[in-house]
Amino acid sequence: MNQINNPFITPKYLANHLNDEDIKIIDASWYLPNMARNAHKEYLQKHIPNAVYFNLDKIADRTSNLPHMIASEEQFSRQVGEMGISHKNRIVIYDNVGIFSSARVWWNFRIMGAKNVYILAGGLTRWEEEGFEMQGGNIGIKPNTFEAKLQSEYIYTAFKITKLLKNETNQVQIVDMRPRDRFMGEADEPRIGLRRGHIPYSKNLPFADLIENGEIISKEAFFTRLKEAEINPNKPIVSTCGSGVTATILNLALATHGIDNMAVYDGSWAQWGSLQGVPIVNPANKKA
């Protein structure tokens, strides 16, 4: 695995470079169906100056019946270019929570070949707390050219997961980032119709355990969490969650602490929990 630089920047740094020509700021806010919030409406009410809104459900594979699956190179290039963003830019991403959907958009840009992609530490909340400028409404956008180069080896499908489960010598670790009660089959999924439980042999590491004050926990705490969950950071990891959003928080945490591991099961439980004939472990033995 490759070593990489810390993907976080501070609000103060961004404020000092807000008008740099090569800086592009993205509001990546997105919410689960049961959260009853409208991310785009909130963007229009207030956002960081010059920020454009990234719609996770529209810059996605619209032919899929699964939510926000990764778009094709062509689609991503076109839609992101229309947002005024180039693959050569320094791209700064934030969300209204701190670390939530911003991790997914960070991952989208990373696997599309963008090199300089960062997360705003603390998100919009910390930006406001530190007293920096806000604006509302849409902004004027000058289209740009984004040349996407999809690194498809980092995208796992249900077929690839099934192959992993059948390979007795497989070294790839499946890490499920959903809350413990959903992983154990004790609670319903937020999406209607999905079965309860988890993929066989997967480890559970709830994404909330990796976040503190809108940032990834310290290196010592992070590696302690990995050890407690019986996850070896020196072996390949594919992350999964409810629909591929919070799974990427593990990838972000790994990157924060120097490990470049971008593999994600894109369909996650939204797909696996809806499929017939795939193995599911349900410790609680309760029906969906």
C-alpha atoms as a PDB file:
ATOM      1  CA  MET A   1       0.000   0.000   0.000  1.00  0.00           C
ATOM      2  CA  ASN A   2       1.216   3.482  -0.839  1.00  0.00           C
ATOM      3  CA  GLN A   3       1.923   6.245   1.654  1.00  0.00           C
ATOM      4  CA  ILE A   4      -0.019   9.494   1.143  1.00  0.00           C
ATOM      5  CA  ASN A   5      -0.301  12.945   2.647  1.00  0.00           C
ATOM      6  CA  ASN A   6      -2.905  13.896   5.257  1.00  0.00           C
ATOM      7  CA  PRO A   7      -6.144  14.655   3.387  1.00  0.00           C
ATOM      8  CA  PHE A   8      -7.393  17.288   5.879  1.00  0.00           C
ATOM      9  CA  ILE A   9      -7.027  21.061   5.763  1.00  0.00           C
ATOM     10  CA  THR A  10      -8.141  23.530   8.440  1.00  0.00           C
ATOM     11  CA  PRO A  11     -10.817  26.228   8.099  1.00  0.00           C
ATOM     12  CA  LYS A  12      -8.132  28.865   8.701  1.00  0.00           C
ATOM     13  CA  TYR A  13      -6.052  27.552   5.798  1.00  0.00           C
ATOM     14  CA  LEU A  14      -9.062  27.543   3.483  1.00  0.00           C
ATOM     15  CA  ALA A  15     -10.091  31.036   4.578  1.00  0.00           C
ATOM     16  CA  ASN A  16      -6.594  32.305   3.728  1.00  0.00           C
ATOM     17  CA  HIS A  17      -6.731  30.678   0.286  1.00  0.00           C
ATOM     18  CA  LEU A  18     -10.428  31.135  -0.462  1.00  0.00           C
ATOM     19  CA  ASN A  19      -9.844  33.104  -3.653  1.00  0.00           C
ATOM     20  CA  ASP A  20      -6.901  31.143  -5.044  1.00  0.00           C
ATOM     21  CA  GLU A  21      -7.667  30.358  -8.688  1.00  0.00           C
ATOM     22  CA  ASP A  22      -6.862  26.667  -8.373  1.00  0.00           C
ATOM     23  CA  ILE A  23      -8.996  26.121  -5.233  1.00  0.00           C
ATOM     24  CA  LYS A  24     -12.420  24.561  -5.828  1.00  0.00           C
ATOM     25  CA  ILE A  25     -14.776  24.080  -2.894  1.00  0.00           C
ATOM     26  CA  ILE A  26     -17.518  21.467  -2.793  1.00  0.00           C
ATOM     27  CA  ASP A  27     -20.499  21.185  -0.470  1.00  0.00           C
ATOM     28  CA  ALA A  28     -21.016  17.419  -0.388  1.00  0.00           C
ATOM     29  CA  SER A  29     -23.827  17.304   2.167  1.00  0.00           C
ATOM     30  CA  TRP A  30     -26.188  14.337   1.886  1.00  0.00           C
ATOM     31  CA  TYR A  31     -28.546  12.639   4.325  1.00  0.00           C
ATOM     32  CA  LEU A  32     -30.019   9.197   4.904  1.00  0.00           C
ATOM     33  CA  PRO A  33     -33.661   8.749   3.833  1.00  0.00           C
ATOM     34  CA  ASN A  34     -34.860   8.693   7.453  1.00  0.00           C
ATOM     35  CA  MET A  35     -33.107  11.951   8.419  1.00  0.00           C
ATOM     36  CA  ALA A  36     -35.803  14.179   6.838  1.00  0.00           C
ATOM     37  CA  ARG A  37     -33.353  16.873   5.668  1.00  0.00           C
ATOM     38  CA  ASN A  38     -32.862  18.472   2.246  1.00  0.00           C
ATOM     39  CA  ALA A  39     -29.145  18.971   1.612  1.00  0.00           C
ATOM     40  CA  HIS A  40     -29.556  21.156  -1.482  1.00  0.00           C
ATOM     41  CA  LYS A  41     -32.047  23.449   0.232  1.00  0.00           C
ATOM     42  CA  GLU A  42     -29.617  23.835   3.138  1.00  0.00           C
ATOM     43  CA  TYR A  43     -26.832  24.643   0.652  1.00  0.00           C
ATOM     44  CA  LEU A  44     -28.931  27.413  -0.858  1.00  0.00           C
ATOM     45  CA  GLN A  45     -29.550  28.839   2.610  1.00  0.00           C
ATOM     46  CA  LYS A  46     -25.870  28.971   3.536  1.00  0.00           C
ATOM     47  CA  HIS A  47     -22.551  27.647   2.308  1.00  0.00           C
ATOM     48  CA  ILE A  48     -18.874  28.521   2.173  1.00  0.00           C
ATOM     49  CA  PRO A  49     -18.207  31.278  -0.397  1.00  0.00           C
ATOM     50  CA  ASN A  50     -17.541  29.942  -3.914  1.00  0.00           C
ATOM     51  CA  ALA A  51     -18.675  26.425  -2.947  1.00  0.00           C
ATOM     52  CA  VAL A  52     -20.617  24.387  -5.496  1.00  0.00           C
ATOM     53  CA  TYR A  53     -23.088  21.687  -4.544  1.00  0.00           C
ATOM     54  CA  PHE A  54     -22.256  18.049  -5.360  1.00  0.00           C
ATOM     55  CA  ASN A  55     -25.406  15.937  -5.639  1.00  0.00           C
ATOM     56  CA  LEU A  56     -24.402  12.375  -4.735  1.00  0.00           C
ATOM     57  CA  ASP A  57     -27.558  10.929  -6.231  1.00  0.00           C
ATOM     58  CA  LYS A  58     -27.247  12.725  -9.587  1.00  0.00           C
ATOM     59  CA  ILE A  59     -23.499  12.436 -10.187  1.00  0.00           C
ATOM     60  CA  ALA A  60     -23.951   8.690 -10.117  1.00  0.00           C
ATOM     61  CA  ASP A  61     -24.916   5.735 -12.287  1.00  0.00           C
ATOM     62  CA  ARG A  62     -28.532   6.651 -13.009  1.00  0.00           C
ATOM     63  CA  THR A  63     -29.153   3.330 -14.785  1.00  0.00           C
ATOM     64  CA  SER A  64     -28.714   1.448 -11.504  1.00  0.00           C
ATOM     65  CA  ASN A  65     -31.590   0.825  -9.109  1.00  0.00           C
ATOM     66  CA  LEU A  66     -29.073   1.220  -6.285  1.00  0.00           C
ATOM     67  CA  PRO A  67     -28.436   4.645  -4.739  1.00  0.00           C
ATOM     68  CA  HIS A  68     -25.465   6.852  -5.746  1.00  0.00           C
ATOM     69  CA  MET A  69     -23.380   4.162  -7.445  1.00  0.00           C
ATOM     70  CA  ILE A  70     -20.164   5.478  -8.981  1.00  0.00           C
ATOM     71  CA  ALA A  71     -20.677   7.181 -12.344  1.00  0.00           C
ATOM     72  CA  SER A  72     -18.832   6.331 -15.549  1.00  0.00           C
ATOM     73  CA  GLU A  73     -15.719   8.266 -16.490  1.00  0.00           C
ATOM     74  CA  GLU A  74     -17.635  10.096 -19.196  1.00  0.00           C
ATOM     75  CA  GLN A  75     -20.534  11.111 -16.959  1.00  0.00           C
ATOM     76  CA  PHE A  76     -18.312  12.144 -14.070  1.00  0.00           C
ATOM     77  CA  SER A  77     -16.067  14.200 -16.361  1.00  0.00           C
ATOM     78  CA  ARG A  78     -19.039  15.986 -17.916  1.00  0.00           C
ATOM     79  CA  GLN A  79     -20.967  16.758 -14.729  1.00  0.00           C
ATOM     80  CA  VAL A  80     -17.953  17.752 -12.645  1.00  0.00           C
ATOM     81  CA  GLY A  81     -16.637  19.876 -15.513  1.00  0.00           C
ATOM     82  CA  GLU A  82     -20.008  21.646 -15.606  1.00  0.00           C
ATOM     83  CA  MET A  83     -19.435  22.459 -11.920  1.00  0.00           C
ATOM     84  CA  GLY A  84     -16.272  24.341 -12.918  1.00  0.00           C
ATOM     85  CA  ILE A  85     -13.864  21.742 -11.556  1.00  0.00           C
ATOM     86  CA  SER A  86     -10.707  20.424 -13.225  1.00  0.00           C
ATOM     87  CA  HIS A  87      -8.725  17.336 -12.285  1.00  0.00           C
ATOM     88  CA  LYS A  88      -5.780  19.722 -11.849  1.00  0.00           C
ATOM     89  CA  ASN A  89      -7.487  21.785  -9.127  1.00  0.00           C
ATOM     90  CA  ARG A  90      -6.986  21.650  -5.395  1.00  0.00           C
ATOM     91  CA  ILE A  91     -10.390  20.328  -4.376  1.00  0.00           C
ATOM     92  CA  VAL A  92     -11.723  20.985  -0.861  1.00  0.00           C
ATOM     93  CA  ILE A  93     -14.787  19.035   0.239  1.00  0.00           C
ATOM     94  CA  TYR A  94     -17.026  19.514   3.260  1.00  0.00           C
ATOM     95  CA  ASP A  95     -20.455  18.542   4.560  1.00  0.00           C
ATOM     96  CA  ASN A  96     -22.842  19.926   7.159  1.00  0.00           C
ATOM     97  CA  VAL A  97     -22.132  17.146   9.657  1.00  0.00           C
ATOM     98  CA  GLY A  98     -18.334  17.218   9.812  1.00  0.00           C
ATOM     99  CA  ILE A  99     -17.381  13.850   8.357  1.00  0.00           C
ATOM    100  CA  PHE A 100     -20.192  11.968   6.680  1.00  0.00           C
ATOM    101  CA  SER A 101     -20.972  12.251   2.980  1.00  0.00           C
ATOM    102  CA  SER A 102     -17.843  14.353   2.366  1.00  0.00           C
ATOM    103  CA  ALA A 103     -15.809  11.135   2.682  1.00  0.00           C
ATOM    104  CA  ARG A 104     -17.787   9.534  -0.146  1.00  0.00           C
ATOM    105  CA  VAL A 105     -17.260  12.500  -2.477  1.00  0.00           C
ATOM    106  CA  TRP A 106     -13.554  12.580  -1.523  1.00  0.00           C
ATOM    107  CA  TRP A 107     -13.389   8.890  -2.496  1.00  0.00           C
ATOM    108  CA  ASN A 108     -15.244   9.555  -5.776  1.00  0.00           C
ATOM    109  CA  PHE A 109     -12.649  12.124  -6.803  1.00  0.00           C
ATOM    110  CA  ARG A 110      -9.735   9.966  -5.655  1.00  0.00           C
ATOM    111  CA  ILE A 111     -10.751   6.933  -7.695  1.00  0.00           C
ATOM    112  CA  MET A 112     -11.462   9.187 -10.682  1.00  0.00           C
ATOM    113  CA  GLY A 113      -7.789  10.161 -10.634  1.00  0.00           C
ATOM    114  CA  ALA A 114      -7.810  13.562  -8.919  1.00  0.00           C
ATOM    115  CA  LYS A 115      -4.567  13.998  -6.979  1.00  0.00           C
ATOM    116  CA  ASN A 116      -5.166  17.027  -4.768  1.00  0.00           C
ATOM    117  CA  VAL A 117      -8.376  16.280  -2.882  1.00  0.00           C
ATOM    118  CA  TYR A 118      -8.923  17.419   0.698  1.00  0.00           C
ATOM    119  CA  ILE A 119     -11.537  17.347   3.448  1.00  0.00           C
ATOM    120  CA  LEU A 120     -12.306  20.461   5.490  1.00  0.00           C
ATOM    121  CA  ALA A 121     -11.617  19.559   9.131  1.00  0.00           C
ATOM    122  CA  GLY A 122     -14.804  19.956  11.167  1.00  0.00           C
ATOM    123  CA  GLY A 123     -16.927  20.655   8.109  1.00  0.00           C
ATOM    124  CA  LEU A 124     -19.319  23.576   7.810  1.00  0.00           C
ATOM    125  CA  THR A 125     -19.976  23.503  11.556  1.00  0.00           C
ATOM    126  CA  ARG A 126     -16.390  24.381  12.448  1.00  0.00           C
ATOM    127  CA  TRP A 127     -16.162  26.926   9.631  1.00  0.00           C
ATOM    128  CA  GLU A 128     -19.112  28.737  11.206  1.00  0.00           C
ATOM    129  CA  GLU A 129     -17.812  28.310  14.761  1.00  0.00           C
ATOM    130  CA  GLU A 130     -14.542  29.966  13.786  1.00  0.00           C
ATOM    131  CA  GLY A 131     -16.452  32.939  12.415  1.00  0.00           C
ATOM    132  CA  PHE A 132     -15.608  32.695   8.739  1.00  0.00           C
ATOM    133  CA  GLU A 133     -17.731  34.174   5.977  1.00  0.00           C
ATOM    134  CA  MET A 134     -20.856  32.467   4.625  1.00  0.00           C
ATOM    135  CA  GLN A 135     -23.068  33.066   1.617  1.00  0.00           C
ATOM    136  CA  GLY A 136     -26.367  31.783   0.264  1.00  0.00           C
ATOM    137  CA  GLY A 137     -27.904  30.970  -3.109  1.00  0.00           C
ATOM    138  CA  ASN A 138     -26.286  29.577  -6.229  1.00  0.00           C
ATOM    139  CA  ILE A 139     -22.980  30.908  -7.529  1.00  0.00           C
ATOM    140  CA  GLY A 140     -21.827  31.729 -11.037  1.00  0.00           C
ATOM    141  CA  ILE A 141     -19.928  28.824 -12.601  1.00  0.00           C
ATOM    142  CA  LYS A 142     -17.507  28.811 -15.520  1.00  0.00           C
ATOM    143  CA  PRO A 143     -17.353  25.283 -17.008  1.00  0.00           C
ATOM    144  CA  ASN A 144     -14.009  23.503 -16.849  1.00  0.00           C
ATOM    145  CA  THR A 145     -12.447  20.275 -18.112  1.00  0.00           C
ATOM    146  CA  PHE A 146     -12.206  17.284 -15.804  1.00  0.00           C
ATOM    147  CA  GLU A 147     -10.413  14.247 -17.246  1.00  0.00           C
ATOM    148  CA  ALA A 148     -11.578  11.283 -15.187  1.00  0.00           C
ATOM    149  CA  LYS A 149      -9.523   8.090 -15.144  1.00  0.00           C
ATOM    150  CA  LEU A 150     -11.518   5.524 -13.219  1.00  0.00           C
ATOM    151  CA  GLN A 151      -9.500   3.139 -11.065  1.00  0.00           C
ATOM    152  CA  SER A 152     -12.023   0.311 -11.257  1.00  0.00           C
ATOM    153  CA  GLU A 153      -9.867  -2.077  -9.221  1.00  0.00           C
ATOM    154  CA  TYR A 154     -11.016  -0.197  -6.114  1.00  0.00           C
ATOM    155  CA  ILE A 155     -14.703  -0.804  -6.812  1.00  0.00           C
ATOM    156  CA  TYR A 156     -16.091  -4.085  -5.518  1.00  0.00           C
ATOM    157  CA  THR A 157     -19.316  -5.587  -6.833  1.00  0.00           C
ATOM    158  CA  ALA A 158     -21.527  -8.321  -5.404  1.00  0.00           C
ATOM    159  CA  PHE A 159     -19.843 -10.711  -7.846  1.00  0.00           C
ATOM    160  CA  LYS A 160     -16.377  -9.819  -6.553  1.00  0.00           C
ATOM    161  CA  ILE A 161     -17.540 -10.160  -2.941  1.00  0.00           C
ATOM    162  CA  THR A 162     -18.997 -13.595  -3.715  1.00  0.00           C
ATOM    163  CA  LYS A 163     -15.669 -14.649  -5.225  1.00  0.00           C
ATOM    164  CA  LEU A 164     -13.867 -13.486  -2.072  1.00  0.00           C
ATOM    165  CA  LEU A 165     -16.140 -15.612   0.100  1.00  0.00           C
ATOM    166  CA  LYS A 166     -15.462 -18.708  -1.997  1.00  0.00           C
ATOM    167  CA  ASN A 167     -11.689 -18.282  -1.923  1.00  0.00           C
ATOM    168  CA  GLU A 168     -10.332 -20.042   1.168  1.00  0.00           C
ATOM    169  CA  THR A 169      -6.904 -18.439   0.732  1.00  0.00           C
ATOM    170  CA  ASN A 170      -8.339 -14.940   0.360  1.00  0.00           C
ATOM    171  CA  GLN A 171      -6.521 -12.255   2.357  1.00  0.00           C
ATOM    172  CA  VAL A 172      -8.939  -9.384   1.657  1.00  0.00           C
ATOM    173  CA  GLN A 173     -10.755  -8.211   4.782  1.00  0.00           C
ATOM    174  CA  ILE A 174     -14.381  -7.067   4.493  1.00  0.00           C
ATOM    175  CA  VAL A 175     -15.075  -4.290   7.001  1.00  0.00           C
ATOM    176  CA  ASP A 176     -18.685  -3.248   7.642  1.00  0.00           C
ATOM    177  CA  MET A 177     -19.034   0.333   8.900  1.00  0.00           C
ATOM    178  CA  ARG A 178     -22.694   0.177   9.903  1.00  0.00           C
ATOM    179  CA  PRO A 179     -23.756   0.610  13.541  1.00  0.00           C
ATOM    180  CA  ARG A 180     -23.380  -2.554  15.629  1.00  0.00           C
ATOM    181  CA  ASP A 181     -27.121  -3.233  15.994  1.00  0.00           C
ATOM    182  CA  ARG A 182     -27.608  -3.280  12.220  1.00  0.00           C
ATOM    183  CA  PHE A 183     -24.523  -5.442  11.679  1.00  0.00           C
ATOM    184  CA  MET A 184     -25.823  -7.936  14.245  1.00  0.00           C
ATOM    185  CA  GLY A 185     -29.313  -8.030  12.739  1.00  0.00           C
ATOM    186  CA  GLU A 186     -30.910  -6.464  15.795  1.00  0.00           C
ATOM    187  CA  ALA A 187     -32.262  -3.353  14.035  1.00  0.00           C
ATOM    188  CA  ASP A 188     -34.011  -2.621  10.759  1.00  0.00           C
ATOM    189  CA  GLU A 189     -32.190  -0.945   7.905  1.00  0.00           C
ATOM    190  CA  PRO A 190     -33.206   2.639   7.021  1.00  0.00           C
ATOM    191  CA  ARG A 191     -34.082   1.380   3.524  1.00  0.00           C
ATOM    192  CA  ILE A 192     -37.293  -0.616   3.418  1.00  0.00           C
ATOM    193  CA  GLY A 193     -37.200  -4.240   2.283  1.00  0.00           C
ATOM    194  CA  LEU A 194     -33.622  -5.139   3.147  1.00  0.00           C
ATOM    195  CA  ARG A 195     -32.815  -8.227   5.170  1.00  0.00           C
ATOM    196  CA  ARG A 196     -30.988  -7.983   8.485  1.00  0.00           C
ATOM    197  CA  GLY A 197     -27.469  -9.175   9.216  1.00  0.00           C
ATOM    198  CA  HIS A 198     -24.084  -8.968   7.516  1.00  0.00           C
ATOM    199  CA  ILE A 199     -21.808 -10.517   4.893  1.00  0.00           C
ATOM    200  CA  PRO A 200     -20.077 -13.686   6.155  1.00  0.00           C
ATOM    201  CA  TYR A 201     -16.571 -13.225   7.573  1.00  0.00           C
ATOM    202  CA  SER A 202     -16.916  -9.436   7.663  1.00  0.00           C
ATOM    203  CA  LYS A 203     -15.654  -7.374  10.584  1.00  0.00           C
ATOM    204  CA  ASN A 204     -17.665  -4.601  12.201  1.00  0.00           C
ATOM    205  CA  LEU A 205     -16.183  -1.161  12.825  1.00  0.00           C
ATOM    206  CA  PRO A 206     -18.956   1.448  13.175  1.00  0.00           C
ATOM    207  CA  PHE A 207     -18.000   4.635  11.346  1.00  0.00           C
ATOM    208  CA  ALA A 208     -18.903   6.814  14.339  1.00  0.00           C
ATOM    209  CA  ASP A 209     -16.073   5.156  16.298  1.00  0.00           C
ATOM    210  CA  LEU A 210     -13.560   6.758  13.938  1.00  0.00           C
ATOM    211  CA  ILE A 211     -14.750  10.360  14.301  1.00  0.00           C
ATOM    212  CA  GLU A 212     -14.147  12.915  17.020  1.00  0.00           C
ATOM    213  CA  ASN A 213     -15.059  16.605  16.769  1.00  0.00           C
ATOM    214  CA  GLY A 214     -15.507  16.434  13.028  1.00  0.00           C
ATOM    215  CA  GLU A 215     -12.133  14.799  12.385  1.00  0.00           C
ATOM    216  CA  ILE A 216     -10.642  11.326  12.247  1.00  0.00           C
ATOM    217  CA  ILE A 217      -9.481  10.064  15.647  1.00  0.00           C
ATOM    218  CA  SER A 218      -5.777  10.062  16.545  1.00  0.00           C
ATOM    219  CA  LYS A 219      -3.399   7.530  15.048  1.00  0.00           C
ATOM    220  CA  GLU A 220      -3.041   5.676  18.344  1.00  0.00           C
ATOM    221  CA  ALA A 221      -6.804   5.493  18.878  1.00  0.00           C
ATOM    222  CA  PHE A 222      -7.390   4.457  15.251  1.00  0.00           C
ATOM    223  CA  PHE A 223      -4.985   1.538  15.322  1.00  0.00           C
ATOM    224  CA  THR A 224      -6.424   0.493  18.678  1.00  0.00           C
ATOM    225  CA  ARG A 225      -9.904   0.386  17.079  1.00  0.00           C
ATOM    226  CA  LEU A 226      -8.547  -1.714  14.228  1.00  0.00           C
ATOM    227  CA  LYS A 227      -6.937  -4.151  16.645  1.00  0.00           C
ATOM    228  CA  GLU A 228     -10.143  -4.434  18.708  1.00  0.00           C
ATOM    229  CA  ALA A 229     -12.090  -5.210  15.531  1.00  0.00           C
ATOM    230  CA  GLU A 230      -9.436  -7.762  14.467  1.00  0.00           C
ATOM    231  CA  ILE A 231      -8.560  -5.801  11.326  1.00  0.00           C
ATOM    232  CA  ASN A 232      -5.004  -5.939  10.002  1.00  0.00           C
ATOM    233  CA  PRO A 233      -4.098  -2.614   8.336  1.00  0.00           C
ATOM    234  CA  ASN A 234      -1.229  -4.299   6.501  1.00  0.00           C
ATOM    235  CA  LYS A 235      -3.595  -6.533   4.527  1.00  0.00           C
ATOM    236  CA  PRO A 236      -6.070  -5.508   1.810  1.00  0.00           C
ATOM    237  CA  ILE A 237      -9.371  -4.069   3.038  1.00  0.00           C
ATOM    238  CA  VAL A 238     -12.681  -3.527   1.273  1.00  0.00           C
ATOM    239  CA  SER A 239     -15.114  -1.336   3.192  1.00  0.00           C
ATOM    240  CA  THR A 240     -18.895  -1.609   3.116  1.00  0.00           C
ATOM    241  CA  CYS A 241     -21.866   0.001   4.870  1.00  0.00           C
ATOM    242  CA  GLY A 242     -25.534   0.671   4.129  1.00  0.00           C
ATOM    243  CA  SER A 243     -25.147   2.155   0.649  1.00  0.00           C
ATOM    244  CA  GLY A 244     -21.465   2.959   0.140  1.00  0.00           C
ATOM    245  CA  VAL A 245     -21.362   6.380   1.822  1.00  0.00           C
ATOM    246  CA  THR A 246     -20.071   5.861   5.362  1.00  0.00           C
ATOM    247  CA  ALA A 247     -17.921   2.923   4.172  1.00  0.00           C
ATOM    248  CA  THR A 248     -15.535   5.514   2.756  1.00  0.00           C
ATOM    249  CA  ILE A 249     -14.919   6.958   6.225  1.00  0.00           C
ATOM    250  CA  LEU A 250     -12.661   3.950   6.846  1.00  0.00           C
ATOM    251  CA  ASN A 251     -10.773   4.692   3.620  1.00  0.00           C
ATOM    252  CA  LEU A 252     -10.437   8.307   4.716  1.00  0.00           C
ATOM    253  CA  ALA A 253      -9.212   7.228   8.158  1.00  0.00           C
ATOM    254  CA  LEU A 254      -6.616   4.929   6.604  1.00  0.00           C
ATOM    255  CA  ALA A 255      -5.448   7.743   4.329  1.00  0.00           C
ATOM    256  CA  THR A 256      -5.283  10.147   7.269  1.00  0.00           C
ATOM    257  CA  HIS A 257      -2.864   7.806   8.999  1.00  0.00           C
ATOM    258  CA  GLY A 258      -0.719   7.084   5.959  1.00  0.00           C
ATOM    259  CA  ILE A 259      -2.329   4.065   4.285  1.00  0.00           C
ATOM    260  CA  ASP A 260      -3.698   4.363   0.753  1.00  0.00           C
ATOM    261  CA  ASN A 261      -6.512   1.791   0.586  1.00  0.00           C
ATOM    262  CA  MET A 262      -9.423   2.915  -1.590  1.00  0.00           C
ATOM    263  CA  ALA A 263     -11.403  -0.324  -2.075  1.00  0.00           C
ATOM    264  CA  VAL A 264     -15.163  -0.062  -1.415  1.00  0.00           C
ATOM    265  CA  TYR A 265     -18.082  -2.424  -2.021  1.00  0.00           C
ATOM    266  CA  ASP A 266     -20.114   0.160  -3.902  1.00  0.00           C
ATOM    267  CA  GLY A 267     -23.508  -1.535  -3.617  1.00  0.00           C
ATOM    268  CA  SER A 268     -22.953  -2.341   0.061  1.00  0.00           C
ATOM    269  CA  TRP A 269     -25.949  -3.570   2.093  1.00  0.00           C
ATOM    270  CA  ALA A 270     -28.427  -1.763  -0.188  1.00  0.00           C
ATOM    271  CA  GLN A 271     -27.468  -4.428  -2.710  1.00  0.00           C
ATOM    272  CA  TRP A 272     -26.381  -7.434  -0.641  1.00  0.00           C
ATOM    273  CA  GLY A 273     -29.375  -7.216   1.691  1.00  0.00           C
ATOM    274  CA  SER A 274     -31.759  -7.242  -1.273  1.00  0.00           C
ATOM    275  CA  LEU A 275     -30.233 -10.145  -3.203  1.00  0.00           C
ATOM    276  CA  GLN A 276     -31.657 -13.636  -3.154  1.00  0.00           C
ATOM    277  CA  GLY A 277     -29.307 -16.588  -2.840  1.00  0.00           C
ATOM    278  CA  VAL A 278     -26.357 -14.785  -1.260  1.00  0.00           C
ATOM    279  CA  PRO A 279     -25.154 -15.844   2.205  1.00  0.00           C
ATOM    280  CA  ILE A 280     -26.108 -13.635   5.135  1.00  0.00           C
ATOM    281  CA  VAL A 281     -25.136 -13.980   8.788  1.00  0.00           C
ATOM    282  CA  ASN A 282     -27.864 -12.836  11.176  1.00  0.00           C
ATOM    283  CA  PRO A 283     -26.768 -13.399  14.789  1.00  0.00           C
ATOM    284  CA  ALA A 284     -30.042 -12.010  16.138  1.00  0.00           C
ATOM    285  CA  ASN A 285     -31.934 -14.423  13.862  1.00  0.00           C
ATOM    286  CA  LYS A 286     -34.665 -11.869  13.256  1.00  0.00           C
ATOM    287  CA  LYS A 287     -36.487 -11.313  10.003  1.00  0.00           C
ATOM    288  CA  ALA A 288     -36.335  -7.956   8.224  1.00  0.00           C
END
